PDB file of N, CA and C in Angstrom:
ATOM      1  N   MET A   1     -13.100 231.122  96.927  1.00  0.00           N
ATOM      2  CA  MET A   1     -11.766 231.487  96.998  1.00  0.00           C
ATOM      3  C   MET A   1     -11.483 232.771  96.740  1.00  0.00           C
ATOM      4  N   LEU A   2     -10.732 233.552  97.627  1.00  0.00           N
ATOM      5  CA  LEU A   2     -10.087 234.865  97.246  1.00  0.00           C
ATOM      6  C   LEU A   2      -8.996 234.715  96.220  1.00  0.00           C
ATOM      7  N   MET A   3      -9.100 235.610  95.161  1.00  0.00           N
ATOM      8  CA  MET A   3      -8.081 235.774  94.095  1.00  0.00           C
ATOM      9  C   MET A   3      -7.367 237.065  94.083  1.00  0.00           C
ATOM     10  N   ALA A   4      -6.174 237.063  93.942  1.00  0.00           N
ATOM     11  CA  ALA A   4      -5.390 238.274  94.251  1.00  0.00           C
ATOM     12  C   ALA A   4      -5.902 239.202  92.914  1.00  0.00           C
ATOM     13  N   HIS A   5      -5.736 240.472  93.011  1.00  0.00           N
ATOM     14  CA  HIS A   5      -6.000 241.375  91.986  1.00  0.00           C
ATOM     15  C   HIS A   5      -5.168 241.055  90.756  1.00  0.00           C
ATOM     16  N   PRO A   6      -5.745 241.327  89.455  1.00  0.00           N
ATOM     17  CA  PRO A   6      -4.987 241.008  88.472  1.00  0.00           C
ATOM     18  C   PRO A   6      -3.659 241.654  88.281  1.00  0.00           C
ATOM     19  N   THR A   7      -3.788 242.847  88.720  1.00  0.00           N
ATOM     20  CA  THR A   7      -2.540 243.610  88.635  1.00  0.00           C
ATOM     21  C   THR A   7      -1.535 242.973  89.605  1.00  0.00           C
ATOM     22  N   VAL A   8      -1.800 242.639  90.540  1.00  0.00           N
ATOM     23  CA  VAL A   8      -0.743 241.879  91.536  1.00  0.00           C
ATOM     24  C   VAL A   8      -0.313 240.531  90.851  1.00  0.00           C
ATOM     25  N   LEU A   9      -1.254 239.836  90.272  1.00  0.00           N
ATOM     26  CA  LEU A   9      -0.725 238.397  89.551  1.00  0.00           C
ATOM     27  C   LEU A   9       0.128 238.806  88.434  1.00  0.00           C
ATOM     28  N   LEU A  10      -0.272 239.862  87.731  1.00  0.00           N
ATOM     29  CA  LEU A  10       0.633 240.217  86.492  1.00  0.00           C
ATOM     30  C   LEU A  10       2.075 240.729  86.985  1.00  0.00           C
ATOM     31  N   ASP A  11       2.012 241.444  88.103  1.00  0.00           N
ATOM     32  CA  ASP A  11       3.490 241.705  88.773  1.00  0.00           C
ATOM     33  C   ASP A  11       4.165 240.371  89.147  1.00  0.00           C
ATOM     34  N   LEU A  12       3.381 239.527  89.713  1.00  0.00           N
ATOM     35  CA  LEU A  12       4.010 238.177  90.010  1.00  0.00           C
ATOM     36  C   LEU A  12       4.385 237.531  89.040  1.00  0.00           C
ATOM     37  N   VAL A  13       3.683 237.283  87.956  1.00  0.00           N
ATOM     38  CA  VAL A  13       4.082 236.536  86.895  1.00  0.00           C
ATOM     39  C   VAL A  13       5.300 237.028  86.145  1.00  0.00           C
ATOM     40  N   GLU A  14       5.338 238.553  86.078  1.00  0.00           N
ATOM     41  CA  GLU A  14       6.532 239.076  85.312  1.00  0.00           C
ATOM     42  C   GLU A  14       7.680 238.906  86.235  1.00  0.00           C
ATOM     43  N   ARG A  15       7.664 238.898  87.717  1.00  0.00           N
ATOM     44  CA  ARG A  15       8.689 238.764  88.578  1.00  0.00           C
ATOM     45  C   ARG A  15       9.169 237.388  88.314  1.00  0.00           C
ATOM     46  N   TYR A  16       8.514 236.485  88.298  1.00  0.00           N
ATOM     47  CA  TYR A  16       8.843 235.066  88.212  1.00  0.00           C
ATOM     48  C   TYR A  16       9.631 234.819  86.927  1.00  0.00           C
ATOM     49  N   GLU A  17       9.092 235.314  85.847  1.00  0.00           N
ATOM     50  CA  GLU A  17       9.688 235.109  84.499  1.00  0.00           C
ATOM     51  C   GLU A  17      10.959 235.827  84.309  1.00  0.00           C
ATOM     52  N   LEU A  18      11.229 236.935  85.107  1.00  0.00           N
ATOM     53  CA  LEU A  18      12.312 237.878  84.918  1.00  0.00           C
ATOM     54  C   LEU A  18      13.435 236.783  86.054  1.00  0.00           C
ATOM     55  N   LEU A  19      13.122 236.486  87.093  1.00  0.00           N
ATOM     56  CA  LEU A  19      13.958 235.644  87.906  1.00  0.00           C
ATOM     57  C   LEU A  19      14.419 234.265  87.173  1.00  0.00           C
ATOM     58  N   THR A  20      13.320 233.651  86.652  1.00  0.00           N
ATOM     59  CA  THR A  20      13.836 232.420  85.834  1.00  0.00           C
ATOM     60  C   THR A  20      14.633 232.688  84.611  1.00  0.00           C
ATOM     61  N   SER A  21      14.698 233.956  84.157  1.00  0.00           N
ATOM     62  CA  SER A  21      15.524 234.076  83.028  1.00  0.00           C
ATOM     63  C   SER A  21      16.933 234.582  83.637  1.00  0.00           C
ATOM     64  N   VAL A  22      16.976 235.000  84.667  1.00  0.00           N
ATOM     65  CA  VAL A  22      18.442 235.003  85.113  1.00  0.00           C
ATOM     66  C   VAL A  22      19.010 234.220  86.164  1.00  0.00           C
ATOM     67  N   ALA A  23      18.015 233.361  86.642  1.00  0.00           N
ATOM     68  CA  ALA A  23      18.639 232.243  87.551  1.00  0.00           C
ATOM     69  C   ALA A  23      19.584 231.409  86.801  1.00  0.00           C
ATOM     70  N   ASP A  24      20.784 231.182  87.432  1.00  0.00           N
ATOM     71  CA  ASP A  24      21.602 230.174  86.681  1.00  0.00           C
ATOM     72  C   ASP A  24      22.246 229.123  87.871  1.00  0.00           C
ATOM     73  N   GLY A  25      21.572 229.319  89.145  1.00  0.00           N
ATOM     74  CA  GLY A  25      21.894 228.333  90.167  1.00  0.00           C
ATOM     75  C   GLY A  25      23.220 228.613  91.039  1.00  0.00           C
ATOM     76  N   THR A  26      23.785 229.828  90.612  1.00  0.00           N
ATOM     77  CA  THR A  26      24.811 230.215  91.429  1.00  0.00           C
ATOM     78  C   THR A  26      24.644 231.349  92.403  1.00  0.00           C
ATOM     79  N   ASP A  27      23.573 232.076  92.206  1.00  0.00           N
ATOM     80  CA  ASP A  27      23.404 233.104  93.145  1.00  0.00           C
ATOM     81  C   ASP A  27      22.280 232.611  94.248  1.00  0.00           C
ATOM     82  N   PRO A  28      22.604 232.511  95.381  1.00  0.00           N
ATOM     83  CA  PRO A  28      21.375 232.058  96.325  1.00  0.00           C
ATOM     84  C   PRO A  28      20.547 232.880  96.564  1.00  0.00           C
ATOM     85  N   ARG A  29      20.573 234.177  96.437  1.00  0.00           N
ATOM     86  CA  ARG A  29      19.687 235.451  96.585  1.00  0.00           C
ATOM     87  C   ARG A  29      18.638 235.387  95.506  1.00  0.00           C
ATOM     88  N   ILE A  30      19.137 234.975  94.422  1.00  0.00           N
ATOM     89  CA  ILE A  30      18.215 234.927  93.232  1.00  0.00           C
ATOM     90  C   ILE A  30      17.184 233.656  93.358  1.00  0.00           C
ATOM     91  N   ALA A  31      17.916 232.555  93.623  1.00  0.00           N
ATOM     92  CA  ALA A  31      17.419 231.155  94.022  1.00  0.00           C
ATOM     93  C   ALA A  31      16.106 231.485  95.160  1.00  0.00           C
ATOM     94  N   GLY A  32      16.570 232.266  96.175  1.00  0.00           N
ATOM     95  CA  GLY A  32      15.585 232.425  97.254  1.00  0.00           C
ATOM     96  C   GLY A  32      14.615 233.261  96.956  1.00  0.00           C
ATOM     97  N   GLN A  33      14.642 234.286  96.012  1.00  0.00           N
ATOM     98  CA  GLN A  33      13.650 235.012  95.483  1.00  0.00           C
ATOM     99  C   GLN A  33      12.762 234.431  94.508  1.00  0.00           C
ATOM    100  N   LEU A  34      13.429 233.536  93.799  1.00  0.00           N
ATOM    101  CA  LEU A  34      12.476 232.763  92.736  1.00  0.00           C
ATOM    102  C   LEU A  34      11.603 231.851  93.546  1.00  0.00           C
ATOM    103  N   ARG A  35      12.147 231.183  94.746  1.00  0.00           N
ATOM    104  CA  ARG A  35      11.320 230.379  95.575  1.00  0.00           C
ATOM    105  C   ARG A  35      10.217 231.109  96.287  1.00  0.00           C
ATOM    106  N   ASP A  36      10.489 232.451  96.722  1.00  0.00           N
ATOM    107  CA  ASP A  36       9.676 233.144  97.340  1.00  0.00           C
ATOM    108  C   ASP A  36       8.366 233.513  96.365  1.00  0.00           C
ATOM    109  N   THR A  37       8.959 233.951  95.232  1.00  0.00           N
ATOM    110  CA  THR A  37       7.634 234.343  94.187  1.00  0.00           C
ATOM    111  C   THR A  37       6.955 233.238  93.885  1.00  0.00           C
ATOM    112  N   ALA A  38       7.486 232.157  93.415  1.00  0.00           N
ATOM    113  CA  ALA A  38       6.757 230.647  93.161  1.00  0.00           C
ATOM    114  C   ALA A  38       5.699 230.536  94.453  1.00  0.00           C
ATOM    115  N   TYR A  39       6.207 230.623  95.523  1.00  0.00           N
ATOM    116  CA  TYR A  39       5.180 230.338  96.760  1.00  0.00           C
ATOM    117  C   TYR A  39       4.135 231.205  96.744  1.00  0.00           C
ATOM    118  N   THR A  40       4.682 232.689  96.578  1.00  0.00           N
ATOM    119  CA  THR A  40       3.260 233.719  96.703  1.00  0.00           C
ATOM    120  C   THR A  40       2.454 233.537  95.357  1.00  0.00           C
ATOM    121  N   LEU A  41       2.992 233.177  94.328  1.00  0.00           N
ATOM    122  CA  LEU A  41       2.077 232.790  93.282  1.00  0.00           C
ATOM    123  C   LEU A  41       0.980 231.636  93.399  1.00  0.00           C
ATOM    124  N   CYS A  42       1.569 230.672  94.257  1.00  0.00           N
ATOM    125  CA  CYS A  42       0.575 229.662  94.642  1.00  0.00           C
ATOM    126  C   CYS A  42      -0.202 229.975  95.495  1.00  0.00           C
ATOM    127  N   VAL A  43       0.149 230.569  96.630  1.00  0.00           N
ATOM    128  CA  VAL A  43      -0.687 231.139  97.528  1.00  0.00           C
ATOM    129  C   VAL A  43      -1.894 231.998  96.889  1.00  0.00           C
ATOM    130  N   SER A  44      -1.408 232.859  96.136  1.00  0.00           N
ATOM    131  CA  SER A  44      -2.281 234.042  95.499  1.00  0.00           C
ATOM    132  C   SER A  44      -3.327 233.227  94.397  1.00  0.00           C
ATOM    133  N   THR A  45      -3.124 232.035  93.868  1.00  0.00           N
ATOM    134  CA  THR A  45      -3.896 231.469  93.053  1.00  0.00           C
ATOM    135  C   THR A  45      -4.674 230.179  93.523  1.00  0.00           C
ATOM    136  N   GLY A  46      -4.467 229.863  94.825  1.00  0.00           N
ATOM    137  CA  GLY A  46      -4.899 228.738  95.383  1.00  0.00           C
ATOM    138  C   GLY A  46      -4.430 227.289  94.853  1.00  0.00           C
ATOM    139  N   THR A  47      -3.242 227.439  94.539  1.00  0.00           N
ATOM    140  CA  THR A  47      -2.606 226.136  93.806  1.00  0.00           C
ATOM    141  C   THR A  47      -1.392 225.754  94.613  1.00  0.00           C
ATOM    142  N   ARG A  48      -0.958 224.766  94.234  1.00  0.00           N
ATOM    143  CA  ARG A  48       0.158 223.904  94.844  1.00  0.00           C
ATOM    144  C   ARG A  48       1.297 223.737  94.016  1.00  0.00           C
ATOM    145  N   ASP A  49       1.441 224.098  92.656  1.00  0.00           N
ATOM    146  CA  ASP A  49       2.330 223.985  91.667  1.00  0.00           C
ATOM    147  C   ASP A  49       2.686 225.273  90.938  1.00  0.00           C
ATOM    148  N   VAL A  50       3.891 225.757  90.737  1.00  0.00           N
ATOM    149  CA  VAL A  50       4.119 226.754  90.124  1.00  0.00           C
ATOM    150  C   VAL A  50       3.548 226.931  88.584  1.00  0.00           C
ATOM    151  N   THR A  51       3.644 225.805  87.896  1.00  0.00           N
ATOM    152  CA  THR A  51       3.118 225.732  86.759  1.00  0.00           C
ATOM    153  C   THR A  51       1.722 226.043  86.542  1.00  0.00           C
ATOM    154  N   GLU A  52       0.884 225.493  87.441  1.00  0.00           N
ATOM    155  CA  GLU A  52      -0.506 225.602  87.589  1.00  0.00           C
ATOM    156  C   GLU A  52      -0.884 226.999  87.947  1.00  0.00           C
ATOM    157  N   ALA A  53      -0.068 227.396  88.955  1.00  0.00           N
ATOM    158  CA  ALA A  53      -0.156 228.893  89.350  1.00  0.00           C
ATOM    159  C   ALA A  53       0.005 229.844  88.315  1.00  0.00           C
ATOM    160  N   LEU A  54       1.006 229.634  87.508  1.00  0.00           N
ATOM    161  CA  LEU A  54       1.058 230.487  86.297  1.00  0.00           C
ATOM    162  C   LEU A  54       0.000 230.417  85.485  1.00  0.00           C
ATOM    163  N   ALA A  55      -0.507 229.370  85.285  1.00  0.00           N
ATOM    164  CA  ALA A  55      -1.761 229.170  84.141  1.00  0.00           C
ATOM    165  C   ALA A  55      -2.971 229.703  84.880  1.00  0.00           C
ATOM    166  N   VAL A  56      -3.209 229.635  86.025  1.00  0.00           N
ATOM    167  CA  VAL A  56      -4.399 230.217  86.597  1.00  0.00           C
ATOM    168  C   VAL A  56      -4.269 231.671  86.631  1.00  0.00           C
ATOM    169  N   ALA A  57      -3.021 232.123  87.026  1.00  0.00           N
ATOM    170  CA  ALA A  57      -2.799 233.658  87.188  1.00  0.00           C
ATOM    171  C   ALA A  57      -2.948 234.355  85.530  1.00  0.00           C
ATOM    172  N   ARG A  58      -2.328 233.731  84.760  1.00  0.00           N
ATOM    173  CA  ARG A  58      -2.657 234.213  83.358  1.00  0.00           C
ATOM    174  C   ARG A  58      -3.939 234.099  82.806  1.00  0.00           C
ATOM    175  N   ALA A  59      -4.660 233.099  83.167  1.00  0.00           N
ATOM    176  CA  ALA A  59      -6.163 233.119  82.909  1.00  0.00           C
ATOM    177  C   ALA A  59      -6.917 234.098  83.401  1.00  0.00           C
ATOM    178  N   HIS A  60      -6.692 234.480  84.876  1.00  0.00           N
ATOM    179  CA  HIS A  60      -7.414 235.471  85.551  1.00  0.00           C
ATOM    180  C   HIS A  60      -7.027 236.818  84.963  1.00  0.00           C
ATOM    181  N   ILE A  61      -5.808 237.094  84.579  1.00  0.00           N
ATOM    182  CA  ILE A  61      -5.376 238.229  84.021  1.00  0.00           C
ATOM    183  C   ILE A  61      -6.099 238.578  82.693  1.00  0.00           C
ATOM    184  N   VAL A  62      -6.141 237.588  81.765  1.00  0.00           N
ATOM    185  CA  VAL A  62      -6.818 237.564  80.571  1.00  0.00           C
ATOM    186  C   VAL A  62      -8.333 237.883  80.780  1.00  0.00           C
ATOM    187  N   ALA A  63      -8.938 237.216  81.767  1.00  0.00           N
ATOM    188  CA  ALA A  63     -10.393 237.410  81.994  1.00  0.00           C
ATOM    189  C   ALA A  63     -10.529 238.777  82.510  1.00  0.00           C
ATOM    190  N   ALA A  64      -9.819 239.394  83.346  1.00  0.00           N
ATOM    191  CA  ALA A  64      -9.970 240.743  83.697  1.00  0.00           C
ATOM    192  C   ALA A  64      -9.674 241.694  82.626  1.00  0.00           C
ATOM    193  N   GLU A  65      -8.826 241.478  81.867  1.00  0.00           N
ATOM    194  CA  GLU A  65      -8.577 242.424  80.608  1.00  0.00           C
ATOM    195  C   GLU A  65      -9.901 242.315  79.557  1.00  0.00           C
ATOM    196  N   ASP A  66     -10.353 241.210  79.431  1.00  0.00           N
ATOM    197  CA  ASP A  66     -11.691 240.885  78.625  1.00  0.00           C
ATOM    198  C   ASP A  66     -12.681 241.688  79.310  1.00  0.00           C
ATOM    199  N   ALA A  67     -12.982 241.605  80.449  1.00  0.00           N
ATOM    200  CA  ALA A  67     -14.148 242.153  81.285  1.00  0.00           C
ATOM    201  C   ALA A  67     -14.071 243.800  81.100  1.00  0.00           C
ATOM    202  N   ALA A  68     -12.677 244.378  81.183  1.00  0.00           N
ATOM    203  CA  ALA A  68     -12.605 245.589  81.076  1.00  0.00           C
ATOM    204  C   ALA A  68     -12.667 246.131  79.808  1.00  0.00           C
ATOM    205  N   ASP A  69     -12.288 245.486  78.585  1.00  0.00           N
ATOM    206  CA  ASP A  69     -12.852 245.740  77.243  1.00  0.00           C
ATOM    207  C   ASP A  69     -14.139 245.682  77.111  1.00  0.00           C
ATOM    208  N   GLY A  70     -14.825 244.662  77.622  1.00  0.00           N
ATOM    209  CA  GLY A  70     -16.298 244.823  77.388  1.00  0.00           C
ATOM    210  C   GLY A  70     -16.983 245.888  78.015  1.00  0.00           C
ATOM    211  N   ALA A  71     -16.403 246.425  79.262  1.00  0.00           N
ATOM    212  CA  ALA A  71     -17.154 247.364  79.916  1.00  0.00           C
ATOM    213  C   ALA A  71     -16.869 248.605  79.115  1.00  0.00           C
ATOM    214  N   ALA A  72     -15.610 248.912  78.566  1.00  0.00           N
ATOM    215  CA  ALA A  72     -15.378 250.001  77.794  1.00  0.00           C
ATOM    216  C   ALA A  72     -16.054 250.175  76.408  1.00  0.00           C
ATOM    217  N   ALA A  73     -16.557 249.092  76.065  1.00  0.00           N
ATOM    218  CA  ALA A  73     -17.198 249.146  74.766  1.00  0.00           C
ATOM    219  C   ALA A  73     -18.646 249.537  74.886  1.00  0.00           C
TER     220      ALA A  73
END
């Protein structure tokens, strides 16, 4: 399975977290952006649930950071 680049995943995770922090259910634009971001996270990680997508994305980001740290050493 193809996996999005860790930078793309990090941007998506940060966007999702920001949108969830400001979403109060009254602004349909924010709700739409939140749905779109959740969908993109799921597609980018090969999952069907945003909670699972966030976990997979975070694990992939950490693995990429660890690999970069190992290469720099």
